[in-house]
Each structure stands twice: as structure tokens, then as C-alpha cells.
Amino acid sequence: MVKAWVFGSLVAGATLFGTALYIQTQPLAFTQSGIAASMEPALAVEAPEVPTLIEPLGDVRVDALELAPIYITPRPLAVPAEKAAPALEPCSDWRDIGPAHVERGQGLDTRRVRELC
């Protein structure tokens, strides 16, 4: 049973490999050939005149509404005001939250944090 699977896989692989090589050497191998076109030019035939449904108006003048011209102008650019530089000092104080290290039950040093503004 296993030998049949191995043999079948080898045959399928070899077939695909051979097909790939054949297509590489002859790129149009599995395509259809083109239909032979006749070399005679087509006959020119004039199209019949088609009646129109709308009659031309001729020289009839249609009154039109005339509007005064509209001019679009941009707004003047504003000069940006200089902003004051923000203060570089903190806005809150330090707060003690407890000892930084504990040795033998004694707190050493103090851990401090800054409160939020």
C-alpha cells in the first residue's frame, strides 16, 4: 500500500516537472491558435438618415436672466500673536508617600512624589 503511494507521488511529480519543462521551451504549447482573419477590407456603407424628434429652434432668442458679477476675495491673513513662553516651574509640591527602604523594621530614606496639577 505504501509502495503504491510512493510510486504514484513520484510519477505525478515527474509528470509535473516534465510539463513545466515543456511549457518553458514552448510557451504557446497549450493555447489555441488564432482564427485566420480575412485580409479583405470591410465595405463602407452609408448609414440611413434617422429622423430627429426635436425640431431645431433656428434663430429664436431666449431671454436670459443676467446677474451682477460676483468677485471672490480672500480674507486678509492675520498675523499670529506671539504666545508667552510657558512657565518651566512645576505647578505642584512634593508629597511623602513612605520609606524608600526598610531595614530591620526601620524606614530608611523617604520616597517622595509630585502631586498632579
C-alpha atoms as a PDB file:
ATOM      1  CA  MET A   1       0.000   0.000   0.000  1.00  0.00           C
ATOM      2  CA  VAL A   2       2.769   2.441   0.946  1.00  0.00           C
ATOM      3  CA  LYS A   3       4.744   1.499  -2.156  1.00  0.00           C
ATOM      4  CA  ALA A   4       1.778   2.429  -4.366  1.00  0.00           C
ATOM      5  CA  TRP A   5       1.526   5.868  -2.711  1.00  0.00           C
ATOM      6  CA  VAL A   6       5.248   6.480  -3.089  1.00  0.00           C
ATOM      7  CA  PHE A   7       5.235   5.317  -6.712  1.00  0.00           C
ATOM      8  CA  GLY A   8       2.148   7.428  -7.535  1.00  0.00           C
ATOM      9  CA  SER A   9       3.720  10.514  -5.932  1.00  0.00           C
ATOM     10  CA  LEU A  10       6.938  10.034  -7.893  1.00  0.00           C
ATOM     11  CA  VAL A  11       5.042   9.614 -11.177  1.00  0.00           C
ATOM     12  CA  ALA A  12       2.888  12.700 -10.506  1.00  0.00           C
ATOM     13  CA  GLY A  13       5.948  14.775  -9.579  1.00  0.00           C
ATOM     14  CA  ALA A  14       7.853  13.657 -12.654  1.00  0.00           C
ATOM     15  CA  THR A  15       4.831  14.440 -14.854  1.00  0.00           C
ATOM     16  CA  LEU A  16       4.508  17.950 -13.408  1.00  0.00           C
ATOM     17  CA  PHE A  17       8.247  18.522 -13.775  1.00  0.00           C
ATOM     18  CA  GLY A  18       8.159  17.389 -17.396  1.00  0.00           C
ATOM     19  CA  THR A  19       5.128  19.583 -18.125  1.00  0.00           C
ATOM     20  CA  ALA A  20       6.882  22.605 -16.602  1.00  0.00           C
ATOM     21  CA  LEU A  21       9.964  21.984 -18.747  1.00  0.00           C
ATOM     22  CA  TYR A  22       7.834  21.591 -21.877  1.00  0.00           C
ATOM     23  CA  ILE A  23       5.990  24.861 -21.203  1.00  0.00           C
ATOM     24  CA  GLN A  24       9.322  26.629 -20.618  1.00  0.00           C
ATOM     25  CA  THR A  25      10.609  25.564 -24.017  1.00  0.00           C
ATOM     26  CA  GLN A  26       7.317  26.168 -25.888  1.00  0.00           C
ATOM     27  CA  PRO A  27       5.285  28.939 -24.162  1.00  0.00           C
ATOM     28  CA  LEU A  28       2.291  28.605 -26.526  1.00  0.00           C
ATOM     29  CA  ALA A  29       2.061  24.830 -26.076  1.00  0.00           C
ATOM     30  CA  PHE A  30      -1.427  24.540 -24.549  1.00  0.00           C
ATOM     31  CA  THR A  31      -3.035  27.574 -26.181  1.00  0.00           C
ATOM     32  CA  GLN A  32      -5.346  27.640 -29.178  1.00  0.00           C
ATOM     33  CA  SER A  33      -4.137  29.045 -32.434  1.00  0.00           C
ATOM     34  CA  GLY A  34      -5.754  32.277 -33.577  1.00  0.00           C
ATOM     35  CA  ILE A  35      -8.625  32.363 -36.030  1.00  0.00           C
ATOM     36  CA  ALA A  36      -7.470  33.165 -39.539  1.00  0.00           C
ATOM     37  CA  ALA A  37      -8.736  36.647 -40.380  1.00  0.00           C
ATOM     38  CA  SER A  38      -9.604  37.548 -43.927  1.00  0.00           C
ATOM     39  CA  MET A  39      -7.454  40.216 -45.486  1.00  0.00           C
ATOM     40  CA  GLU A  40     -10.330  41.816 -47.451  1.00  0.00           C
ATOM     41  CA  PRO A  41     -11.360  45.266 -46.187  1.00  0.00           C
ATOM     42  CA  ALA A  42     -14.913  45.753 -44.997  1.00  0.00           C
ATOM     43  CA  LEU A  43     -17.298  47.503 -47.366  1.00  0.00           C
ATOM     44  CA  ALA A  44     -18.185  51.078 -46.438  1.00  0.00           C
ATOM     45  CA  VAL A  45     -21.944  51.569 -46.249  1.00  0.00           C
ATOM     46  CA  GLU A  46     -23.643  54.876 -45.544  1.00  0.00           C
ATOM     47  CA  ALA A  47     -25.983  54.837 -42.580  1.00  0.00           C
ATOM     48  CA  PRO A  48     -29.604  55.732 -43.277  1.00  0.00           C
ATOM     49  CA  GLU A  49     -30.747  59.169 -42.116  1.00  0.00           C
ATOM     50  CA  VAL A  50     -32.542  58.956 -38.795  1.00  0.00           C
ATOM     51  CA  PRO A  51     -35.421  61.396 -38.188  1.00  0.00           C
ATOM     52  CA  THR A  52     -34.998  63.614 -35.105  1.00  0.00           C
ATOM     53  CA  LEU A  53     -37.722  64.093 -32.537  1.00  0.00           C
ATOM     54  CA  ILE A  54     -36.781  67.691 -31.644  1.00  0.00           C
ATOM     55  CA  GLU A  55     -37.129  70.435 -34.233  1.00  0.00           C
ATOM     56  CA  PRO A  56     -34.234  72.923 -34.334  1.00  0.00           C
ATOM     57  CA  LEU A  57     -35.159  76.357 -32.938  1.00  0.00           C
ATOM     58  CA  GLY A  58     -33.317  78.356 -35.542  1.00  0.00           C
ATOM     59  CA  ASP A  59     -32.654  81.997 -34.636  1.00  0.00           C
ATOM     60  CA  VAL A  60     -35.060  82.231 -31.698  1.00  0.00           C
ATOM     61  CA  ARG A  61     -33.625  84.273 -28.795  1.00  0.00           C
ATOM     62  CA  VAL A  62     -34.422  83.114 -25.307  1.00  0.00           C
ATOM     63  CA  ASP A  63     -34.469  85.836 -22.635  1.00  0.00           C
ATOM     64  CA  ALA A  64     -31.850  85.131 -20.009  1.00  0.00           C
ATOM     65  CA  LEU A  65     -31.505  86.478 -16.512  1.00  0.00           C
ATOM     66  CA  GLU A  66     -28.293  88.454 -16.148  1.00  0.00           C
ATOM     67  CA  LEU A  67     -26.707  88.709 -12.719  1.00  0.00           C
ATOM     68  CA  ALA A  68     -24.196  91.237 -11.494  1.00  0.00           C
ATOM     69  CA  PRO A  69     -20.660  89.833 -11.394  1.00  0.00           C
ATOM     70  CA  ILE A  70     -19.541  88.315  -8.102  1.00  0.00           C
ATOM     71  CA  TYR A  71     -15.955  88.794  -7.008  1.00  0.00           C
ATOM     72  CA  ILE A  72     -14.498  86.345  -4.523  1.00  0.00           C
ATOM     73  CA  THR A  73     -11.696  87.782  -2.431  1.00  0.00           C
ATOM     74  CA  PRO A  74      -9.810  86.011   0.335  1.00  0.00           C
ATOM     75  CA  ARG A  75      -9.818  87.277   3.876  1.00  0.00           C
ATOM     76  CA  PRO A  76      -6.679  89.102   4.906  1.00  0.00           C
ATOM     77  CA  LEU A  77      -4.209  86.907   6.698  1.00  0.00           C
ATOM     78  CA  ALA A  78      -3.974  87.611  10.398  1.00  0.00           C
ATOM     79  CA  VAL A  79      -0.572  87.943  11.960  1.00  0.00           C
ATOM     80  CA  PRO A  80      -0.255  85.278  14.654  1.00  0.00           C
ATOM     81  CA  ALA A  81       0.170  86.777  18.101  1.00  0.00           C
ATOM     82  CA  GLU A  82       3.237  85.766  19.995  1.00  0.00           C
ATOM     83  CA  LYS A  83       2.376  83.417  22.814  1.00  0.00           C
ATOM     84  CA  ALA A  84       4.016  83.808  26.146  1.00  0.00           C
ATOM     85  CA  ALA A  85       6.509  81.055  26.877  1.00  0.00           C
ATOM     86  CA  PRO A  86       5.049  78.539  29.335  1.00  0.00           C
ATOM     87  CA  ALA A  87       6.471  78.601  32.804  1.00  0.00           C
ATOM     88  CA  LEU A  88       9.020  75.861  33.345  1.00  0.00           C
ATOM     89  CA  GLU A  89       8.349  75.664  37.060  1.00  0.00           C
ATOM     90  CA  PRO A  90       6.241  72.803  38.422  1.00  0.00           C
ATOM     91  CA  CYS A  91       2.679  73.590  39.417  1.00  0.00           C
ATOM     92  CA  SER A  92       2.566  71.297  42.446  1.00  0.00           C
ATOM     93  CA  ASP A  93       4.563  70.340  45.536  1.00  0.00           C
ATOM     94  CA  TRP A  94       6.305  67.151  46.625  1.00  0.00           C
ATOM     95  CA  ARG A  95       4.478  64.702  48.852  1.00  0.00           C
ATOM     96  CA  ASP A  96       5.977  61.996  51.086  1.00  0.00           C
ATOM     97  CA  ILE A  97       4.455  58.562  50.470  1.00  0.00           C
ATOM     98  CA  GLY A  98       6.572  56.422  52.776  1.00  0.00           C
ATOM     99  CA  PRO A  99      10.018  54.981  53.292  1.00  0.00           C
ATOM    100  CA  ALA A 100      12.133  54.142  50.288  1.00  0.00           C
ATOM    101  CA  HIS A 101      13.917  51.183  52.032  1.00  0.00           C
ATOM    102  CA  VAL A 102      13.152  49.215  55.175  1.00  0.00           C
ATOM    103  CA  GLU A 103      15.916  47.500  57.137  1.00  0.00           C
ATOM    104  CA  ARG A 104      15.299  45.768  60.474  1.00  0.00           C
ATOM    105  CA  GLY A 105      11.899  47.396  60.762  1.00  0.00           C
ATOM    106  CA  GLN A 106      13.278  50.921  60.345  1.00  0.00           C
ATOM    107  CA  GLY A 107      12.415  53.073  57.349  1.00  0.00           C
ATOM    108  CA  LEU A 108      15.438  54.480  55.561  1.00  0.00           C
ATOM    109  CA  ASP A 109      15.158  57.487  53.312  1.00  0.00           C
ATOM    110  CA  THR A 110      11.812  58.849  52.194  1.00  0.00           C
ATOM    111  CA  ARG A 111      10.093  58.276  48.881  1.00  0.00           C
ATOM    112  CA  ARG A 112       8.611  61.489  47.526  1.00  0.00           C
ATOM    113  CA  VAL A 113       6.332  62.048  44.552  1.00  0.00           C
ATOM    114  CA  ARG A 114       4.975  65.150  42.885  1.00  0.00           C
ATOM    115  CA  GLU A 115       1.239  65.714  43.132  1.00  0.00           C
ATOM    116  CA  LEU A 116      -0.663  66.184  39.907  1.00  0.00           C
ATOM    117  CA  CYS A 117      -1.754  69.688  38.998  1.00  0.00           C
END
